[in-house]
PDB file of N, CA and C in Angstrom:
ATOM      1  N   UNK A   1       0.904  -0.886   0.351  1.00  0.00           N
ATOM      2  CA  UNK A   1      -0.119  -0.029   0.222  1.00  0.00           C
ATOM      3  C   UNK A   1       0.746   1.122  -0.258  1.00  0.00           C
ATOM      4  N   UNK A   2       0.493   2.259  -0.989  1.00  0.00           N
ATOM      5  CA  UNK A   2       1.506   3.601  -0.647  1.00  0.00           C
ATOM      6  C   UNK A   2       0.427   4.437  -0.033  1.00  0.00           C
ATOM      7  N   UNK A   3       0.964   5.405   0.980  1.00  0.00           N
ATOM      8  CA  UNK A   3       0.487   6.212   1.764  1.00  0.00           C
ATOM      9  C   UNK A   3       1.052   7.351   1.884  1.00  0.00           C
ATOM     10  N   UNK A   4       0.814   8.598   1.804  1.00  0.00           N
ATOM     11  CA  UNK A   4       1.435   9.868   1.820  1.00  0.00           C
ATOM     12  C   UNK A   4       1.669  10.228   3.634  1.00  0.00           C
ATOM     13  N   UNK A   5       2.504  10.260   4.214  1.00  0.00           N
ATOM     14  CA  UNK A   5       2.830  10.425   5.458  1.00  0.00           C
ATOM     15  C   UNK A   5       3.502  11.647   5.828  1.00  0.00           C
ATOM     16  N   UNK A   6       2.804  12.554   6.242  1.00  0.00           N
ATOM     17  CA  UNK A   6       3.365  13.958   6.611  1.00  0.00           C
ATOM     18  C   UNK A   6       4.113  14.337   5.160  1.00  0.00           C
ATOM     19  N   UNK A   7       3.830  14.245   4.207  1.00  0.00           N
ATOM     20  CA  UNK A   7       4.105  14.622   2.782  1.00  0.00           C
ATOM     21  C   UNK A   7       5.245  13.633   2.407  1.00  0.00           C
ATOM     22  N   UNK A   8       5.146  12.703   2.858  1.00  0.00           N
ATOM     23  CA  UNK A   8       6.338  11.976   2.333  1.00  0.00           C
ATOM     24  C   UNK A   8       5.458  10.817   1.871  1.00  0.00           C
ATOM     25  N   UNK A   9       6.020  10.227   0.454  1.00  0.00           N
ATOM     26  CA  UNK A   9       5.400   8.832  -0.056  1.00  0.00           C
ATOM     27  C   UNK A   9       6.225   7.998   0.096  1.00  0.00           C
ATOM     28  N   UNK A  10       5.313   6.986   1.101  1.00  0.00           N
ATOM     29  CA  UNK A  10       5.627   5.800   1.311  1.00  0.00           C
ATOM     30  C   UNK A  10       5.120   4.636   1.131  1.00  0.00           C
ATOM     31  N   UNK A  11       5.410   3.022   1.177  1.00  0.00           N
ATOM     32  CA  UNK A  11       5.347   2.033   1.241  1.00  0.00           C
ATOM     33  C   UNK A  11       4.940   1.098   2.382  1.00  0.00           C
ATOM     34  N   UNK A  12       3.932   0.726   2.400  1.00  0.00           N
ATOM     35  CA  UNK A  12       4.133  -0.441   3.465  1.00  0.00           C
ATOM     36  C   UNK A  12       3.100  -1.645   2.842  1.00  0.00           C
ATOM     37  N   UNK A  13       3.715  -2.664   3.750  1.00  0.00           N
ATOM     38  CA  UNK A  13       2.965  -3.766   3.903  1.00  0.00           C
ATOM     39  C   UNK A  13       2.111  -4.355   5.112  1.00  0.00           C
ATOM     40  N   UNK A  14       1.235  -5.003   5.186  1.00  0.00           N
ATOM     41  CA  UNK A  14       0.257  -5.745   5.675  1.00  0.00           C
ATOM     42  C   UNK A  14      -0.422  -4.571   6.597  1.00  0.00           C
ATOM     43  N   UNK A  15      -0.350  -3.613   6.669  1.00  0.00           N
ATOM     44  CA  UNK A  15      -0.777  -2.356   7.222  1.00  0.00           C
ATOM     45  C   UNK A  15      -2.668  -1.640   6.572  1.00  0.00           C
ATOM     46  N   UNK A  16      -3.099  -2.077   7.277  1.00  0.00           N
ATOM     47  CA  UNK A  16      -4.651  -1.596   7.242  1.00  0.00           C
ATOM     48  C   UNK A  16      -5.322  -1.303   7.840  1.00  0.00           C
ATOM     49  N   UNK A  17      -5.346  -0.617   9.240  1.00  0.00           N
ATOM     50  CA  UNK A  17      -5.608   0.282   9.844  1.00  0.00           C
ATOM     51  C   UNK A  17      -4.701   1.186  10.301  1.00  0.00           C
ATOM     52  N   UNK A  18      -5.310   2.401  10.934  1.00  0.00           N
ATOM     53  CA  UNK A  18      -4.596   3.497  11.264  1.00  0.00           C
ATOM     54  C   UNK A  18      -3.809   3.263  12.844  1.00  0.00           C
ATOM     55  N   UNK A  19      -4.048   1.746  13.363  1.00  0.00           N
ATOM     56  CA  UNK A  19      -3.165   1.285  14.590  1.00  0.00           C
ATOM     57  C   UNK A  19      -2.205   0.645  13.965  1.00  0.00           C
ATOM     58  N   UNK A  20      -2.308  -0.184  13.066  1.00  0.00           N
ATOM     59  CA  UNK A  20      -0.876  -0.976  11.988  1.00  0.00           C
ATOM     60  C   UNK A  20      -0.087   0.122  11.728  1.00  0.00           C
ATOM     61  N   UNK A  21      -0.221   0.982  11.383  1.00  0.00           N
ATOM     62  CA  UNK A  21       0.486   2.295  10.686  1.00  0.00           C
ATOM     63  C   UNK A  21       1.335   2.995  12.102  1.00  0.00           C
ATOM     64  N   UNK A  22       0.569   3.509  12.900  1.00  0.00           N
ATOM     65  CA  UNK A  22       1.679   3.782  13.642  1.00  0.00           C
ATOM     66  C   UNK A  22       2.320   2.857  14.431  1.00  0.00           C
ATOM     67  N   UNK A  23       1.745   1.275  14.832  1.00  0.00           N
ATOM     68  CA  UNK A  23       3.108   0.299  15.231  1.00  0.00           C
ATOM     69  C   UNK A  23       4.102   0.290  14.359  1.00  0.00           C
ATOM     70  N   UNK A  24       3.736   0.406  12.656  1.00  0.00           N
ATOM     71  CA  UNK A  24       4.797   0.017  11.504  1.00  0.00           C
ATOM     72  C   UNK A  24       5.790   1.377  11.678  1.00  0.00           C
ATOM     73  N   UNK A  25       5.318   2.290  12.204  1.00  0.00           N
ATOM     74  CA  UNK A  25       5.959   3.263  12.524  1.00  0.00           C
ATOM     75  C   UNK A  25       6.341   3.207  14.022  1.00  0.00           C
ATOM     76  N   UNK A  26       6.834   2.634  14.502  1.00  0.00           N
ATOM     77  CA  UNK A  26       7.050   2.429  15.876  1.00  0.00           C
ATOM     78  C   UNK A  26       6.876   3.726  17.003  1.00  0.00           C
ATOM     79  N   UNK A  27       5.841   4.459  16.805  1.00  0.00           N
ATOM     80  CA  UNK A  27       5.112   4.906  17.510  1.00  0.00           C
ATOM     81  C   UNK A  27       4.343   4.628  18.409  1.00  0.00           C
ATOM     82  N   UNK A  28       4.072   5.412  19.666  1.00  0.00           N
ATOM     83  CA  UNK A  28       2.912   4.982  20.769  1.00  0.00           C
ATOM     84  C   UNK A  28       1.936   5.546  20.361  1.00  0.00           C
ATOM     85  N   UNK A  29       0.668   4.691  20.252  1.00  0.00           N
ATOM     86  CA  UNK A  29      -0.257   5.402  20.160  1.00  0.00           C
ATOM     87  C   UNK A  29      -1.154   5.739  21.413  1.00  0.00           C
ATOM     88  N   UNK A  30      -0.702   5.881  22.383  1.00  0.00           N
ATOM     89  CA  UNK A  30      -0.938   7.159  22.945  1.00  0.00           C
ATOM     90  C   UNK A  30      -0.534   8.860  23.169  1.00  0.00           C
ATOM     91  N   UNK A  31       0.730   8.383  22.093  1.00  0.00           N
ATOM     92  CA  UNK A  31       1.308  10.144  22.060  1.00  0.00           C
ATOM     93  C   UNK A  31       0.953  10.709  20.911  1.00  0.00           C
ATOM     94  N   UNK A  32       0.385  10.095  20.127  1.00  0.00           N
ATOM     95  CA  UNK A  32       0.052  10.429  18.662  1.00  0.00           C
ATOM     96  C   UNK A  32      -1.065  11.173  18.162  1.00  0.00           C
ATOM     97  N   UNK A  33      -1.407  12.180  17.393  1.00  0.00           N
ATOM     98  CA  UNK A  33      -2.677  12.376  17.040  1.00  0.00           C
ATOM     99  C   UNK A  33      -2.521  12.122  15.155  1.00  0.00           C
ATOM    100  N   UNK A  34      -3.876  11.670  14.696  1.00  0.00           N
ATOM    101  CA  UNK A  34      -3.722  11.061  13.143  1.00  0.00           C
ATOM    102  C   UNK A  34      -5.068  11.902  12.368  1.00  0.00           C
ATOM    103  N   UNK A  35      -4.465  12.664  10.993  1.00  0.00           N
ATOM    104  CA  UNK A  35      -5.253  13.210  10.657  1.00  0.00           C
ATOM    105  C   UNK A  35      -5.494  12.020   9.295  1.00  0.00           C
ATOM    106  N   UNK A  36      -6.141  11.736   8.669  1.00  0.00           N
ATOM    107  CA  UNK A  36      -6.439  10.462   7.588  1.00  0.00           C
ATOM    108  C   UNK A  36      -7.402  11.757   6.540  1.00  0.00           C
ATOM    109  N   UNK A  37      -6.425  11.823   5.292  1.00  0.00           N
ATOM    110  CA  UNK A  37      -7.498  13.046   4.095  1.00  0.00           C
ATOM    111  C   UNK A  37      -8.357  13.869   4.718  1.00  0.00           C
ATOM    112  N   UNK A  38      -7.501  14.826   5.634  1.00  0.00           N
ATOM    113  CA  UNK A  38      -7.389  16.048   6.164  1.00  0.00           C
ATOM    114  C   UNK A  38      -8.954  16.126   7.438  1.00  0.00           C
ATOM    115  N   UNK A  39      -9.375  14.609   7.651  1.00  0.00           N
ATOM    116  CA  UNK A  39     -10.155  14.712   8.926  1.00  0.00           C
ATOM    117  C   UNK A  39      -9.234  13.594  10.075  1.00  0.00           C
ATOM    118  N   UNK A  40      -9.726  14.298  11.191  1.00  0.00           N
ATOM    119  CA  UNK A  40      -8.943  13.620  12.332  1.00  0.00           C
ATOM    120  C   UNK A  40      -9.448  12.615  12.992  1.00  0.00           C
ATOM    121  N   UNK A  41      -8.563  11.682  13.239  1.00  0.00           N
ATOM    122  CA  UNK A  41      -9.086  10.008  13.588  1.00  0.00           C
ATOM    123  C   UNK A  41      -9.272  10.331  14.601  1.00  0.00           C
ATOM    124  N   UNK A  42     -10.021   9.851  16.003  1.00  0.00           N
ATOM    125  CA  UNK A  42     -10.469   9.870  17.122  1.00  0.00           C
ATOM    126  C   UNK A  42      -9.905   7.963  17.528  1.00  0.00           C
ATOM    127  N   UNK A  43      -8.676   8.738  18.746  1.00  0.00           N
ATOM    128  CA  UNK A  43      -8.029   7.654  19.164  1.00  0.00           C
ATOM    129  C   UNK A  43      -8.718   6.586  19.295  1.00  0.00           C
ATOM    130  N   UNK A  44      -9.996   6.424  19.923  1.00  0.00           N
ATOM    131  CA  UNK A  44     -10.597   4.758  20.190  1.00  0.00           C
ATOM    132  C   UNK A  44     -11.227   4.162  19.062  1.00  0.00           C
ATOM    133  N   UNK A  45     -10.335   4.742  17.506  1.00  0.00           N
ATOM    134  CA  UNK A  45     -11.151   4.164  16.016  1.00  0.00           C
ATOM    135  C   UNK A  45      -9.834   3.709  15.938  1.00  0.00           C
ATOM    136  N   UNK A  46      -8.674   3.565  16.243  1.00  0.00           N
ATOM    137  CA  UNK A  46      -7.662   3.598  15.633  1.00  0.00           C
ATOM    138  C   UNK A  46      -7.267   1.933  15.117  1.00  0.00           C
ATOM    139  N   UNK A  47      -8.324   1.168  15.764  1.00  0.00           N
ATOM    140  CA  UNK A  47      -7.762   0.123  15.402  1.00  0.00           C
ATOM    141  C   UNK A  47      -9.313  -0.630  14.472  1.00  0.00           C
ATOM    142  N   UNK A  48     -10.266   0.416  14.450  1.00  0.00           N
ATOM    143  CA  UNK A  48     -11.035  -0.041  13.207  1.00  0.00           C
ATOM    144  C   UNK A  48     -10.750   1.308  11.659  1.00  0.00           C
ATOM    145  N   UNK A  49     -10.464   1.910  11.903  1.00  0.00           N
ATOM    146  CA  UNK A  49      -9.659   2.745  10.659  1.00  0.00           C
ATOM    147  C   UNK A  49      -9.133   2.752   9.717  1.00  0.00           C
ATOM    148  N   UNK A  50      -9.609   1.806   8.749  1.00  0.00           N
ATOM    149  CA  UNK A  50      -9.353   1.673   7.161  1.00  0.00           C
ATOM    150  C   UNK A  50      -8.478   2.308   6.645  1.00  0.00           C
ATOM    151  N   UNK A  51      -7.046   1.738   5.992  1.00  0.00           N
ATOM    152  CA  UNK A  51      -6.661   3.186   5.404  1.00  0.00           C
ATOM    153  C   UNK A  51      -6.913   2.243   3.829  1.00  0.00           C
ATOM    154  N   UNK A  52      -6.396   3.359   3.021  1.00  0.00           N
ATOM    155  CA  UNK A  52      -7.075   2.609   1.700  1.00  0.00           C
ATOM    156  C   UNK A  52      -5.788   3.393   0.662  1.00  0.00           C
ATOM    157  N   UNK A  53      -5.018   2.616  -0.483  1.00  0.00           N
ATOM    158  CA  UNK A  53      -4.200   2.982  -0.897  1.00  0.00           C
ATOM    159  C   UNK A  53      -4.244   4.491  -1.914  1.00  0.00           C
ATOM    160  N   UNK A  54      -3.222   5.504  -1.388  1.00  0.00           N
ATOM    161  CA  UNK A  54      -3.292   7.188  -1.763  1.00  0.00           C
ATOM    162  C   UNK A  54      -3.557   7.394  -0.812  1.00  0.00           C
ATOM    163  N   UNK A  55      -4.258   7.245   0.329  1.00  0.00           N
ATOM    164  CA  UNK A  55      -4.528   7.718   1.331  1.00  0.00           C
ATOM    165  C   UNK A  55      -3.243   8.700   2.097  1.00  0.00           C
ATOM    166  N   UNK A  56      -3.465  10.037   2.419  1.00  0.00           N
ATOM    167  CA  UNK A  56      -2.881  11.293   2.820  1.00  0.00           C
ATOM    168  C   UNK A  56      -3.378  11.467   4.142  1.00  0.00           C
ATOM    169  N   UNK A  57      -2.062  10.812   5.005  1.00  0.00           N
ATOM    170  CA  UNK A  57      -1.809  10.353   6.702  1.00  0.00           C
ATOM    171  C   UNK A  57      -1.163  11.705   6.926  1.00  0.00           C
ATOM    172  N   UNK A  58      -1.498  12.264   8.149  1.00  0.00           N
ATOM    173  CA  UNK A  58      -0.366  13.433   8.952  1.00  0.00           C
ATOM    174  C   UNK A  58      -0.638  13.024  10.125  1.00  0.00           C
ATOM    175  N   UNK A  59       0.558  12.583  10.855  1.00  0.00           N
ATOM    176  CA  UNK A  59       0.974  12.285  12.146  1.00  0.00           C
ATOM    177  C   UNK A  59       1.671  13.079  12.730  1.00  0.00           C
ATOM    178  N   UNK A  60       1.050  13.755  14.445  1.00  0.00           N
ATOM    179  CA  UNK A  60       1.762  14.850  14.805  1.00  0.00           C
ATOM    180  C   UNK A  60       2.054  13.891  16.228  1.00  0.00           C
ATOM    181  N   UNK A  61       3.171  13.756  16.925  1.00  0.00           N
ATOM    182  CA  UNK A  61       3.942  13.093  17.854  1.00  0.00           C
ATOM    183  C   UNK A  61       3.648  14.103  18.956  1.00  0.00           C
ATOM    184  N   UNK A  62       3.343  13.833  20.060  1.00  0.00           N
ATOM    185  CA  UNK A  62       3.548  14.808  21.644  1.00  0.00           C
ATOM    186  C   UNK A  62       5.183  14.653  22.163  1.00  0.00           C
ATOM    187  N   UNK A  63       4.757  15.324  22.623  1.00  0.00           N
ATOM    188  CA  UNK A  63       6.354  15.309  23.168  1.00  0.00           C
ATOM    189  C   UNK A  63       6.299  15.889  24.818  1.00  0.00           C
ATOM    190  N   UNK A  64       6.573  15.592  25.875  1.00  0.00           N
ATOM    191  CA  UNK A  64       6.152  16.667  26.957  1.00  0.00           C
ATOM    192  C   UNK A  64       7.556  17.052  27.315  1.00  0.00           C
ATOM    193  N   UNK A  65       7.708  18.251  28.439  1.00  0.00           N
ATOM    194  CA  UNK A  65       8.664  19.018  28.756  1.00  0.00           C
ATOM    195  C   UNK A  65       8.437  20.305  29.089  1.00  0.00           C
ATOM    196  N   UNK A  66       9.175  20.630  29.869  1.00  0.00           N
ATOM    197  CA  UNK A  66       8.761  22.078  30.513  1.00  0.00           C
ATOM    198  C   UNK A  66       9.718  23.168  30.525  1.00  0.00           C
TER     199      UNK A  66
END
């Protein structure tokens, strides 16, 4: 599957949901926000939010600090 992730075209195998993608990227699902095709994906639906070839994904990672 080809996805645009943060503006970069990338290929993925075995990725069918937002949760699969976040895991494939090695990110902590609790520390990211995901937008698919200009719509925010609620964290509670990451496991069921299906991805399709050509989707545009934006991922923001939260970093704590002070």
